[in-house]
Amino acid sequence: MRIKNFMRSYGAKILHDSGNRVIVIETDREPEEIVQRLPKGVTITPPDKAAKAGKERNEHDELFVKALKLRASNKYRRMKDQQVPGESPEEKLLVTGSCETED
């Protein structure tokens, strides 16, 4: 919680959080301005370098970073922009599928 409070005190908006180990922020401040005041052991990494950062990351952190990179990709953004609400196979199944469960 300490790092989130620190980031908020500098006007950063927390966009994603994997449990305080990987936190994605949005800020108008220059990274150098924040880096100078970071608590010991905390680093700032650009999104395109995030997959290689962090010595203590676990499988959850790796999956979290991969998902963020996917969501930030041009292909994903194009597909989301073209998606019609209610038209994905999963959404259609929710509307037409049975509420009963199999034993």
PDB file of N, CA and C in Angstrom:
ATOM      1  N   MET A   1       0.827  -1.191   0.000  1.00  0.00           N
ATOM      2  CA  MET A   1       0.000   0.000   0.000  1.00  0.00           C
ATOM      3  C   MET A   1       0.872   1.255   0.000  1.00  0.00           C
ATOM      4  N   ARG A   2       2.047   1.172   0.588  1.00  0.00           N
ATOM      5  CA  ARG A   2       2.922   2.326   0.685  1.00  0.00           C
ATOM      6  C   ARG A   2       3.290   2.878  -0.692  1.00  0.00           C
ATOM      7  N   ILE A   3       3.612   2.000  -1.638  1.00  0.00           N
ATOM      8  CA  ILE A   3       4.017   2.470  -2.962  1.00  0.00           C
ATOM      9  C   ILE A   3       2.843   3.105  -3.701  1.00  0.00           C
ATOM     10  N   LYS A   4       1.642   2.561  -3.528  1.00  0.00           N
ATOM     11  CA  LYS A   4       0.472   3.166  -4.181  1.00  0.00           C
ATOM     12  C   LYS A   4       0.221   4.568  -3.635  1.00  0.00           C
ATOM     13  N   ASN A   5       0.324   4.721  -2.329  1.00  0.00           N
ATOM     14  CA  ASN A   5       0.151   6.048  -1.731  1.00  0.00           C
ATOM     15  C   ASN A   5       1.226   7.009  -2.228  1.00  0.00           C
ATOM     16  N   PHE A   6       2.452   6.511  -2.344  1.00  0.00           N
ATOM     17  CA  PHE A   6       3.544   7.322  -2.860  1.00  0.00           C
ATOM     18  C   PHE A   6       3.225   7.790  -4.279  1.00  0.00           C
ATOM     19  N   MET A   7       2.806   6.869  -5.142  1.00  0.00           N
ATOM     20  CA  MET A   7       2.497   7.222  -6.530  1.00  0.00           C
ATOM     21  C   MET A   7       1.341   8.222  -6.600  1.00  0.00           C
ATOM     22  N   ARG A   8       0.319   7.993  -5.801  1.00  0.00           N
ATOM     23  CA  ARG A   8      -0.822   8.924  -5.791  1.00  0.00           C
ATOM     24  C   ARG A   8      -0.401  10.315  -5.316  1.00  0.00           C
ATOM     25  N   SER A   9       0.532  10.367  -4.370  1.00  0.00           N
ATOM     26  CA  SER A   9       0.988  11.664  -3.865  1.00  0.00           C
ATOM     27  C   SER A   9       1.685  12.478  -4.953  1.00  0.00           C
ATOM     28  N   TYR A  10       2.151  11.812  -5.987  1.00  0.00           N
ATOM     29  CA  TYR A  10       2.767  12.495  -7.127  1.00  0.00           C
ATOM     30  C   TYR A  10       1.791  12.655  -8.282  1.00  0.00           C
ATOM     31  N   GLY A  11       0.521  12.442  -8.012  1.00  0.00           N
ATOM     32  CA  GLY A  11      -0.499  12.659  -9.034  1.00  0.00           C
ATOM     33  C   GLY A  11      -0.644  11.529 -10.026  1.00  0.00           C
ATOM     34  N   ALA A  12      -0.040  10.380  -9.742  1.00  0.00           N
ATOM     35  CA  ALA A  12      -0.140   9.236 -10.652  1.00  0.00           C
ATOM     36  C   ALA A  12      -1.471   8.524 -10.457  1.00  0.00           C
ATOM     37  N   LYS A  13      -2.032   8.063 -11.543  1.00  0.00           N
ATOM     38  CA  LYS A  13      -3.265   7.282 -11.501  1.00  0.00           C
ATOM     39  C   LYS A  13      -2.874   5.809 -11.626  1.00  0.00           C
ATOM     40  N   ILE A  14      -3.336   4.976 -10.691  1.00  0.00           N
ATOM     41  CA  ILE A  14      -3.060   3.540 -10.737  1.00  0.00           C
ATOM     42  C   ILE A  14      -4.018   2.921 -11.754  1.00  0.00           C
ATOM     43  N   LEU A  15      -3.466   2.367 -12.828  1.00  0.00           N
ATOM     44  CA  LEU A  15      -4.295   1.751 -13.868  1.00  0.00           C
ATOM     45  C   LEU A  15      -4.493   0.260 -13.636  1.00  0.00           C
ATOM     46  N   HIS A  16      -3.433  -0.421 -13.225  1.00  0.00           N
ATOM     47  CA  HIS A  16      -3.484  -1.866 -12.995  1.00  0.00           C
ATOM     48  C   HIS A  16      -2.568  -2.195 -11.826  1.00  0.00           C
ATOM     49  N   ASP A  17      -2.915  -3.258 -11.108  1.00  0.00           N
ATOM     50  CA  ASP A  17      -2.138  -3.653  -9.940  1.00  0.00           C
ATOM     51  C   ASP A  17      -2.204  -5.169  -9.810  1.00  0.00           C
ATOM     52  N   SER A  18      -1.035  -5.815  -9.774  1.00  0.00           N
ATOM     53  CA  SER A  18      -1.017  -7.270  -9.629  1.00  0.00           C
ATOM     54  C   SER A  18      -0.775  -7.682  -8.186  1.00  0.00           C
ATOM     55  N   GLY A  19      -0.998  -6.803  -7.256  1.00  0.00           N
ATOM     56  CA  GLY A  19      -0.790  -7.125  -5.851  1.00  0.00           C
ATOM     57  C   GLY A  19       0.443  -6.443  -5.294  1.00  0.00           C
ATOM     58  N   ASN A  20       0.699  -5.240  -5.724  1.00  0.00           N
ATOM     59  CA  ASN A  20       1.809  -4.399  -5.267  1.00  0.00           C
ATOM     60  C   ASN A  20       3.177  -4.797  -5.804  1.00  0.00           C
ATOM     61  N   ARG A  21       3.280  -5.868  -6.590  1.00  0.00           N
ATOM     62  CA  ARG A  21       4.578  -6.241  -7.158  1.00  0.00           C
ATOM     63  C   ARG A  21       4.769  -5.599  -8.521  1.00  0.00           C
ATOM     64  N   VAL A  22       3.701  -5.534  -9.290  1.00  0.00           N
ATOM     65  CA  VAL A  22       3.719  -4.861 -10.585  1.00  0.00           C
ATOM     66  C   VAL A  22       2.543  -3.898 -10.586  1.00  0.00           C
ATOM     67  N   ILE A  23       2.833  -2.625 -10.719  1.00  0.00           N
ATOM     68  CA  ILE A  23       1.794  -1.600 -10.724  1.00  0.00           C
ATOM     69  C   ILE A  23       1.970  -0.762 -11.982  1.00  0.00           C
ATOM     70  N   VAL A  24       0.884  -0.565 -12.695  1.00  0.00           N
ATOM     71  CA  VAL A  24       0.913   0.258 -13.900  1.00  0.00           C
ATOM     72  C   VAL A  24       0.277   1.597 -13.554  1.00  0.00           C
ATOM     73  N   ILE A  25       1.023   2.656 -13.840  1.00  0.00           N
ATOM     74  CA  ILE A  25       0.524   3.996 -13.520  1.00  0.00           C
ATOM     75  C   ILE A  25       0.456   4.858 -14.771  1.00  0.00           C
ATOM     76  N   GLU A  26      -0.322   5.907 -14.659  1.00  0.00           N
ATOM     77  CA  GLU A  26      -0.368   6.942 -15.690  1.00  0.00           C
ATOM     78  C   GLU A  26      -0.081   8.258 -14.982  1.00  0.00           C
ATOM     79  N   THR A  27       0.856   9.018 -15.527  1.00  0.00           N
ATOM     80  CA  THR A  27       1.224  10.278 -14.889  1.00  0.00           C
ATOM     81  C   THR A  27       1.699  11.286 -15.926  1.00  0.00           C
ATOM     82  N   ASP A  28       1.542  12.547 -15.597  1.00  0.00           N
ATOM     83  CA  ASP A  28       2.041  13.620 -16.457  1.00  0.00           C
ATOM     84  C   ASP A  28       3.476  13.995 -16.097  1.00  0.00           C
ATOM     85  N   ARG A  29       3.957  13.497 -14.992  1.00  0.00           N
ATOM     86  CA  ARG A  29       5.313  13.836 -14.548  1.00  0.00           C
ATOM     87  C   ARG A  29       6.355  13.051 -15.350  1.00  0.00           C
ATOM     88  N   GLU A  30       7.545  13.602 -15.409  1.00  0.00           N
ATOM     89  CA  GLU A  30       8.660  12.923 -16.064  1.00  0.00           C
ATOM     90  C   GLU A  30       9.131  11.774 -15.170  1.00  0.00           C
ATOM     91  N   PRO A  31       9.481  10.617 -15.759  1.00  0.00           N
ATOM     92  CA  PRO A  31       9.928   9.481 -14.942  1.00  0.00           C
ATOM     93  C   PRO A  31      11.095   9.842 -14.019  1.00  0.00           C
ATOM     94  N   GLU A  32      12.024  10.653 -14.507  1.00  0.00           N
ATOM     95  CA  GLU A  32      13.188  11.021 -13.701  1.00  0.00           C
ATOM     96  C   GLU A  32      12.781  11.718 -12.402  1.00  0.00           C
ATOM     97  N   GLU A  33      11.725  12.504 -12.470  1.00  0.00           N
ATOM     98  CA  GLU A  33      11.246  13.229 -11.296  1.00  0.00           C
ATOM     99  C   GLU A  33      10.767  12.260 -10.214  1.00  0.00           C
ATOM    100  N   ILE A  34      10.110  11.194 -10.632  1.00  0.00           N
ATOM    101  CA  ILE A  34       9.609  10.200  -9.677  1.00  0.00           C
ATOM    102  C   ILE A  34      10.736   9.281  -9.222  1.00  0.00           C
ATOM    103  N   VAL A  35      11.598   8.860 -10.155  1.00  0.00           N
ATOM    104  CA  VAL A  35      12.677   7.921  -9.838  1.00  0.00           C
ATOM    105  C   VAL A  35      13.558   8.444  -8.709  1.00  0.00           C
ATOM    106  N   GLN A  36      13.823   9.728  -8.697  1.00  0.00           N
ATOM    107  CA  GLN A  36      14.688  10.315  -7.667  1.00  0.00           C
ATOM    108  C   GLN A  36      14.123  10.135  -6.264  1.00  0.00           C
ATOM    109  N   ARG A  37      12.827   9.949  -6.146  1.00  0.00           N
ATOM    110  CA  ARG A  37      12.188   9.871  -4.829  1.00  0.00           C
ATOM    111  C   ARG A  37      11.623   8.484  -4.500  1.00  0.00           C
ATOM    112  N   LEU A  38      11.866   7.511  -5.362  1.00  0.00           N
ATOM    113  CA  LEU A  38      11.314   6.172  -5.136  1.00  0.00           C
ATOM    114  C   LEU A  38      11.875   5.523  -3.877  1.00  0.00           C
ATOM    115  N   PRO A  39      11.029   4.771  -3.173  1.00  0.00           N
ATOM    116  CA  PRO A  39      11.539   3.987  -2.044  1.00  0.00           C
ATOM    117  C   PRO A  39      12.552   2.949  -2.538  1.00  0.00           C
ATOM    118  N   LYS A  40      13.446   2.524  -1.679  1.00  0.00           N
ATOM    119  CA  LYS A  40      14.472   1.544  -2.023  1.00  0.00           C
ATOM    120  C   LYS A  40      13.828   0.260  -2.557  1.00  0.00           C
ATOM    121  N   GLY A  41      14.380  -0.262  -3.639  1.00  0.00           N
ATOM    122  CA  GLY A  41      13.895  -1.511  -4.218  1.00  0.00           C
ATOM    123  C   GLY A  41      12.810  -1.353  -5.257  1.00  0.00           C
ATOM    124  N   VAL A  42      12.311  -0.144  -5.452  1.00  0.00           N
ATOM    125  CA  VAL A  42      11.240   0.101  -6.422  1.00  0.00           C
ATOM    126  C   VAL A  42      11.851   0.679  -7.690  1.00  0.00           C
ATOM    127  N   THR A  43      11.433   0.163  -8.833  1.00  0.00           N
ATOM    128  CA  THR A  43      11.922   0.677 -10.110  1.00  0.00           C
ATOM    129  C   THR A  43      10.757   1.063 -11.002  1.00  0.00           C
ATOM    130  N   ILE A  44      11.038   1.950 -11.934  1.00  0.00           N
ATOM    131  CA  ILE A  44      10.061   2.313 -12.959  1.00  0.00           C
ATOM    132  C   ILE A  44      10.585   1.758 -14.271  1.00  0.00           C
ATOM    133  N   THR A  45       9.730   1.051 -14.977  1.00  0.00           N
ATOM    134  CA  THR A  45      10.113   0.425 -16.233  1.00  0.00           C
ATOM    135  C   THR A  45       9.102   0.780 -17.300  1.00  0.00           C
ATOM    136  N   PRO A  46       9.556   1.208 -18.481  1.00  0.00           N
ATOM    137  CA  PRO A  46       8.612   1.463 -19.573  1.00  0.00           C
ATOM    138  C   PRO A  46       7.882   0.176 -19.949  1.00  0.00           C
ATOM    139  N   PRO A  47       6.639   0.268 -20.420  1.00  0.00           N
ATOM    140  CA  PRO A  47       5.859  -0.931 -20.745  1.00  0.00           C
ATOM    141  C   PRO A  47       6.557  -1.892 -21.700  1.00  0.00           C
ATOM    142  N   ASP A  48       7.283  -1.376 -22.689  1.00  0.00           N
ATOM    143  CA  ASP A  48       7.923  -2.262 -23.659  1.00  0.00           C
ATOM    144  C   ASP A  48       9.108  -3.026 -23.081  1.00  0.00           C
ATOM    145  N   LYS A  49       9.587  -2.646 -21.917  1.00  0.00           N
ATOM    146  CA  LYS A  49      10.704  -3.337 -21.279  1.00  0.00           C
ATOM    147  C   LYS A  49      10.258  -4.120 -20.044  1.00  0.00           C
ATOM    148  N   ALA A  50       8.990  -4.094 -19.730  1.00  0.00           N
ATOM    149  CA  ALA A  50       8.485  -4.692 -18.486  1.00  0.00           C
ATOM    150  C   ALA A  50       8.717  -6.189 -18.401  1.00  0.00           C
ATOM    151  N   ALA A  51       8.688  -6.898 -19.517  1.00  0.00           N
ATOM    152  CA  ALA A  51       8.843  -8.351 -19.487  1.00  0.00           C
ATOM    153  C   ALA A  51      10.213  -8.766 -18.968  1.00  0.00           C
ATOM    154  N   LYS A  52      11.207  -7.903 -19.082  1.00  0.00           N
ATOM    155  CA  LYS A  52      12.563  -8.244 -18.653  1.00  0.00           C
ATOM    156  C   LYS A  52      12.913  -7.666 -17.289  1.00  0.00           C
ATOM    157  N   ALA A  53      12.034  -6.910 -16.711  1.00  0.00           N
ATOM    158  CA  ALA A  53      12.324  -6.229 -15.443  1.00  0.00           C
ATOM    159  C   ALA A  53      11.953  -7.093 -14.247  1.00  0.00           C
ATOM    160  N   GLY A  54      12.583  -6.833 -13.151  1.00  0.00           N
ATOM    161  CA  GLY A  54      12.213  -7.475 -11.887  1.00  0.00           C
ATOM    162  C   GLY A  54      12.883  -8.811 -11.683  1.00  0.00           C
ATOM    163  N   LYS A  55      13.631  -8.924 -10.613  1.00  0.00           N
ATOM    164  CA  LYS A  55      14.341 -10.165 -10.308  1.00  0.00           C
ATOM    165  C   LYS A  55      13.461 -11.158  -9.569  1.00  0.00           C
ATOM    166  N   GLU A  56      12.453 -10.671  -8.867  1.00  0.00           N
ATOM    167  CA  GLU A  56      11.668 -11.529  -7.988  1.00  0.00           C
ATOM    168  C   GLU A  56      10.271 -11.828  -8.517  1.00  0.00           C
ATOM    169  N   ARG A  57      10.055 -11.626  -9.802  1.00  0.00           N
ATOM    170  CA  ARG A  57       8.705 -11.845 -10.313  1.00  0.00           C
ATOM    171  C   ARG A  57       8.381 -13.335 -10.367  1.00  0.00           C
ATOM    172  N   ASN A  58       7.114 -13.634 -10.167  1.00  0.00           N
ATOM    173  CA  ASN A  58       6.659 -15.015 -10.207  1.00  0.00           C
ATOM    174  C   ASN A  58       5.795 -15.234 -11.451  1.00  0.00           C
ATOM    175  N   GLU A  59       5.206 -16.419 -11.581  1.00  0.00           N
ATOM    176  CA  GLU A  59       4.382 -16.730 -12.757  1.00  0.00           C
ATOM    177  C   GLU A  59       3.200 -15.779 -12.880  1.00  0.00           C
ATOM    178  N   HIS A  60       2.598 -15.408 -11.758  1.00  0.00           N
ATOM    179  CA  HIS A  60       1.464 -14.481 -11.770  1.00  0.00           C
ATOM    180  C   HIS A  60       1.891 -13.138 -12.362  1.00  0.00           C
ATOM    181  N   ASP A  61       3.047 -12.645 -11.929  1.00  0.00           N
ATOM    182  CA  ASP A  61       3.552 -11.373 -12.448  1.00  0.00           C
ATOM    183  C   ASP A  61       3.813 -11.459 -13.948  1.00  0.00           C
ATOM    184  N   GLU A  62       4.397 -12.574 -14.381  1.00  0.00           N
ATOM    185  CA  GLU A  62       4.696 -12.750 -15.808  1.00  0.00           C
ATOM    186  C   GLU A  62       3.413 -12.742 -16.631  1.00  0.00           C
ATOM    187  N   LEU A  63       2.403 -13.457 -16.170  1.00  0.00           N
ATOM    188  CA  LEU A  63       1.122 -13.496 -16.876  1.00  0.00           C
ATOM    189  C   LEU A  63       0.482 -12.109 -16.897  1.00  0.00           C
ATOM    190  N   PHE A  64       0.558 -11.406 -15.789  1.00  0.00           N
ATOM    191  CA  PHE A  64       0.023 -10.051 -15.684  1.00  0.00           C
ATOM    192  C   PHE A  64       0.670  -9.137 -16.724  1.00  0.00           C
ATOM    193  N   VAL A  65       1.999  -9.178 -16.832  1.00  0.00           N
ATOM    194  CA  VAL A  65       2.720  -8.333 -17.786  1.00  0.00           C
ATOM    195  C   VAL A  65       2.373  -8.726 -19.217  1.00  0.00           C
ATOM    196  N   LYS A  66       2.278 -10.021 -19.497  1.00  0.00           N
ATOM    197  CA  LYS A  66       1.908 -10.465 -20.851  1.00  0.00           C
ATOM    198  C   LYS A  66       0.514  -9.975 -21.224  1.00  0.00           C
ATOM    199  N   ALA A  67      -0.411 -10.039 -20.283  1.00  0.00           N
ATOM    200  CA  ALA A  67      -1.778  -9.564 -20.553  1.00  0.00           C
ATOM    201  C   ALA A  67      -1.788  -8.061 -20.816  1.00  0.00           C
ATOM    202  N   LEU A  68      -1.008  -7.319 -20.060  1.00  0.00           N
ATOM    203  CA  LEU A  68      -0.925  -5.871 -20.285  1.00  0.00           C
ATOM    204  C   LEU A  68      -0.345  -5.556 -21.655  1.00  0.00           C
ATOM    205  N   LYS A  69       0.696  -6.302 -22.035  1.00  0.00           N
ATOM    206  CA  LYS A  69       1.303  -6.072 -23.349  1.00  0.00           C
ATOM    207  C   LYS A  69       0.315  -6.401 -24.462  1.00  0.00           C
ATOM    208  N   LEU A  70      -0.464  -7.465 -24.287  1.00  0.00           N
ATOM    209  CA  LEU A  70      -1.475  -7.824 -25.280  1.00  0.00           C
ATOM    210  C   LEU A  70      -2.508  -6.709 -25.398  1.00  0.00           C
ATOM    211  N   ARG A  71      -3.015  -6.246 -24.265  1.00  0.00           N
ATOM    212  CA  ARG A  71      -4.034  -5.186 -24.281  1.00  0.00           C
ATOM    213  C   ARG A  71      -3.515  -3.880 -24.877  1.00  0.00           C
ATOM    214  N   ALA A  72      -2.211  -3.669 -24.813  1.00  0.00           N
ATOM    215  CA  ALA A  72      -1.626  -2.441 -25.367  1.00  0.00           C
ATOM    216  C   ALA A  72      -1.247  -2.582 -26.835  1.00  0.00           C
ATOM    217  N   SER A  73      -1.356  -3.796 -27.378  1.00  0.00           N
ATOM    218  CA  SER A  73      -0.936  -4.011 -28.768  1.00  0.00           C
ATOM    219  C   SER A  73      -1.917  -3.374 -29.752  1.00  0.00           C
ATOM    220  N   ASN A  74      -1.389  -2.968 -30.890  1.00  0.00           N
ATOM    221  CA  ASN A  74      -2.227  -2.361 -31.934  1.00  0.00           C
ATOM    222  C   ASN A  74      -3.287  -3.335 -32.435  1.00  0.00           C
ATOM    223  N   LYS A  75      -2.910  -4.606 -32.605  1.00  0.00           N
ATOM    224  CA  LYS A  75      -3.864  -5.608 -33.101  1.00  0.00           C
ATOM    225  C   LYS A  75      -5.047  -5.745 -32.140  1.00  0.00           C
ATOM    226  N   TYR A  76      -4.769  -5.851 -30.852  1.00  0.00           N
ATOM    227  CA  TYR A  76      -5.831  -5.987 -29.854  1.00  0.00           C
ATOM    228  C   TYR A  76      -6.741  -4.763 -29.870  1.00  0.00           C
ATOM    229  N   ARG A  77      -6.146  -3.589 -29.909  1.00  0.00           N
ATOM    230  CA  ARG A  77      -6.941  -2.352 -29.901  1.00  0.00           C
ATOM    231  C   ARG A  77      -7.828  -2.252 -31.143  1.00  0.00           C
ATOM    232  N   ARG A  78      -7.287  -2.645 -32.303  1.00  0.00           N
ATOM    233  CA  ARG A  78      -8.100  -2.638 -33.529  1.00  0.00           C
ATOM    234  C   ARG A  78      -9.279  -3.596 -33.402  1.00  0.00           C
ATOM    235  N   MET A  79      -9.002  -4.799 -32.896  1.00  0.00           N
ATOM    236  CA  MET A  79     -10.069  -5.795 -32.756  1.00  0.00           C
ATOM    237  C   MET A  79     -11.129  -5.320 -31.763  1.00  0.00           C
ATOM    238  N   LYS A  80     -10.719  -4.707 -30.661  1.00  0.00           N
ATOM    239  CA  LYS A  80     -11.681  -4.193 -29.680  1.00  0.00           C
ATOM    240  C   LYS A  80     -12.527  -3.076 -30.279  1.00  0.00           C
ATOM    241  N   ASP A  81     -11.898  -2.225 -31.093  1.00  0.00           N
ATOM    242  CA  ASP A  81     -12.635  -1.131 -31.736  1.00  0.00           C
ATOM    243  C   ASP A  81     -13.680  -1.653 -32.712  1.00  0.00           C
ATOM    244  N   GLN A  82     -13.393  -2.794 -33.346  1.00  0.00           N
ATOM    245  CA  GLN A  82     -14.306  -3.364 -34.341  1.00  0.00           C
ATOM    246  C   GLN A  82     -15.363  -4.272 -33.717  1.00  0.00           C
ATOM    247  N   GLN A  83     -15.173  -4.649 -32.474  1.00  0.00           N
ATOM    248  CA  GLN A  83     -16.085  -5.575 -31.805  1.00  0.00           C
ATOM    249  C   GLN A  83     -17.449  -4.925 -31.570  1.00  0.00           C
ATOM    250  N   VAL A  84     -18.482  -5.673 -31.916  1.00  0.00           N
ATOM    251  CA  VAL A  84     -19.853  -5.217 -31.684  1.00  0.00           C
ATOM    252  C   VAL A  84     -20.318  -5.828 -30.363  1.00  0.00           C
ATOM    253  N   PRO A  85     -20.745  -5.014 -29.398  1.00  0.00           N
ATOM    254  CA  PRO A  85     -21.200  -5.559 -28.116  1.00  0.00           C
ATOM    255  C   PRO A  85     -22.279  -6.627 -28.310  1.00  0.00           C
ATOM    256  N   GLY A  86     -22.085  -7.754 -27.626  1.00  0.00           N
ATOM    257  CA  GLY A  86     -23.053  -8.839 -27.700  1.00  0.00           C
ATOM    258  C   GLY A  86     -22.825  -9.810 -28.841  1.00  0.00           C
ATOM    259  N   GLU A  87     -21.805  -9.598 -29.658  1.00  0.00           N
ATOM    260  CA  GLU A  87     -21.577 -10.439 -30.829  1.00  0.00           C
ATOM    261  C   GLU A  87     -20.471 -11.476 -30.661  1.00  0.00           C
ATOM    262  N   SER A  88     -19.722 -11.433 -29.579  1.00  0.00           N
ATOM    263  CA  SER A  88     -18.667 -12.433 -29.402  1.00  0.00           C
ATOM    264  C   SER A  88     -19.315 -13.779 -29.083  1.00  0.00           C
ATOM    265  N   PRO A  89     -18.641 -14.887 -29.416  1.00  0.00           N
ATOM    266  CA  PRO A  89     -19.199 -16.211 -29.102  1.00  0.00           C
ATOM    267  C   PRO A  89     -19.541 -16.365 -27.620  1.00  0.00           C
ATOM    268  N   GLU A  90     -18.702 -15.814 -26.755  1.00  0.00           N
ATOM    269  CA  GLU A  90     -18.941 -15.927 -25.313  1.00  0.00           C
ATOM    270  C   GLU A  90     -20.194 -15.165 -24.894  1.00  0.00           C
ATOM    271  N   GLU A  91     -20.376 -13.973 -25.444  1.00  0.00           N
ATOM    272  CA  GLU A  91     -21.557 -13.173 -25.098  1.00  0.00           C
ATOM    273  C   GLU A  91     -22.829 -13.815 -25.641  1.00  0.00           C
ATOM    274  N   LYS A  92     -22.757 -14.377 -26.830  1.00  0.00           N
ATOM    275  CA  LYS A  92     -23.929 -15.051 -27.400  1.00  0.00           C
ATOM    276  C   LYS A  92     -24.317 -16.250 -26.545  1.00  0.00           C
ATOM    277  N   LEU A  93     -23.332 -16.990 -26.067  1.00  0.00           N
ATOM    278  CA  LEU A  93     -23.605 -18.146 -25.214  1.00  0.00           C
ATOM    279  C   LEU A  93     -24.256 -17.709 -23.903  1.00  0.00           C
ATOM    280  N   LEU A  94     -23.819 -16.597 -23.352  1.00  0.00           N
ATOM    281  CA  LEU A  94     -24.431 -16.087 -22.121  1.00  0.00           C
ATOM    282  C   LEU A  94     -25.915 -15.801 -22.309  1.00  0.00           C
ATOM    283  N   VAL A  95     -26.272 -15.293 -23.478  1.00  0.00           N
ATOM    284  CA  VAL A  95     -27.657 -14.915 -23.746  1.00  0.00           C
ATOM    285  C   VAL A  95     -28.506 -16.123 -24.118  1.00  0.00           C
ATOM    286  N   THR A  96     -27.930 -17.061 -24.863  1.00  0.00           N
ATOM    287  CA  THR A  96     -28.722 -18.190 -25.364  1.00  0.00           C
ATOM    288  C   THR A  96     -28.529 -19.474 -24.576  1.00  0.00           C
ATOM    289  N   GLY A  97     -27.483 -19.560 -23.776  1.00  0.00           N
ATOM    290  CA  GLY A  97     -27.173 -20.790 -23.063  1.00  0.00           C
ATOM    291  C   GLY A  97     -28.133 -21.071 -21.925  1.00  0.00           C
ATOM    292  N   SER A  98     -28.144 -22.314 -21.510  1.00  0.00           N
ATOM    293  CA  SER A  98     -28.991 -22.746 -20.408  1.00  0.00           C
ATOM    294  C   SER A  98     -28.366 -22.346 -19.080  1.00  0.00           C
ATOM    295  N   CYS A  99     -29.198 -22.081 -18.106  1.00  0.00           N
ATOM    296  CA  CYS A  99     -28.722 -21.745 -16.766  1.00  0.00           C
ATOM    297  C   CYS A  99     -28.494 -22.999 -15.930  1.00  0.00           C
ATOM    298  N   GLU A 100     -28.880 -24.148 -16.466  1.00  0.00           N
ATOM    299  CA  GLU A 100     -28.730 -25.393 -15.728  1.00  0.00           C
ATOM    300  C   GLU A 100     -27.293 -25.873 -15.801  1.00  0.00           C
ATOM    301  N   THR A 101     -26.849 -26.529 -14.731  1.00  0.00           N
ATOM    302  CA  THR A 101     -25.509 -27.108 -14.715  1.00  0.00           C
ATOM    303  C   THR A 101     -25.615 -28.611 -14.827  1.00  0.00           C
ATOM    304  N   GLU A 102     -24.569 -29.211 -15.393  1.00  0.00           N
ATOM    305  CA  GLU A 102     -24.539 -30.668 -15.510  1.00  0.00           C
ATOM    306  C   GLU A 102     -24.047 -31.263 -14.210  1.00  0.00           C
ATOM    307  N   ASP A 103     -24.585 -32.433 -13.866  1.00  0.00           N
ATOM    308  CA  ASP A 103     -24.134 -33.123 -12.647  1.00  0.00           C
ATOM    309  C   ASP A 103     -22.927 -33.965 -12.934  1.00  0.00           C
TER     310      ASP A 103
END
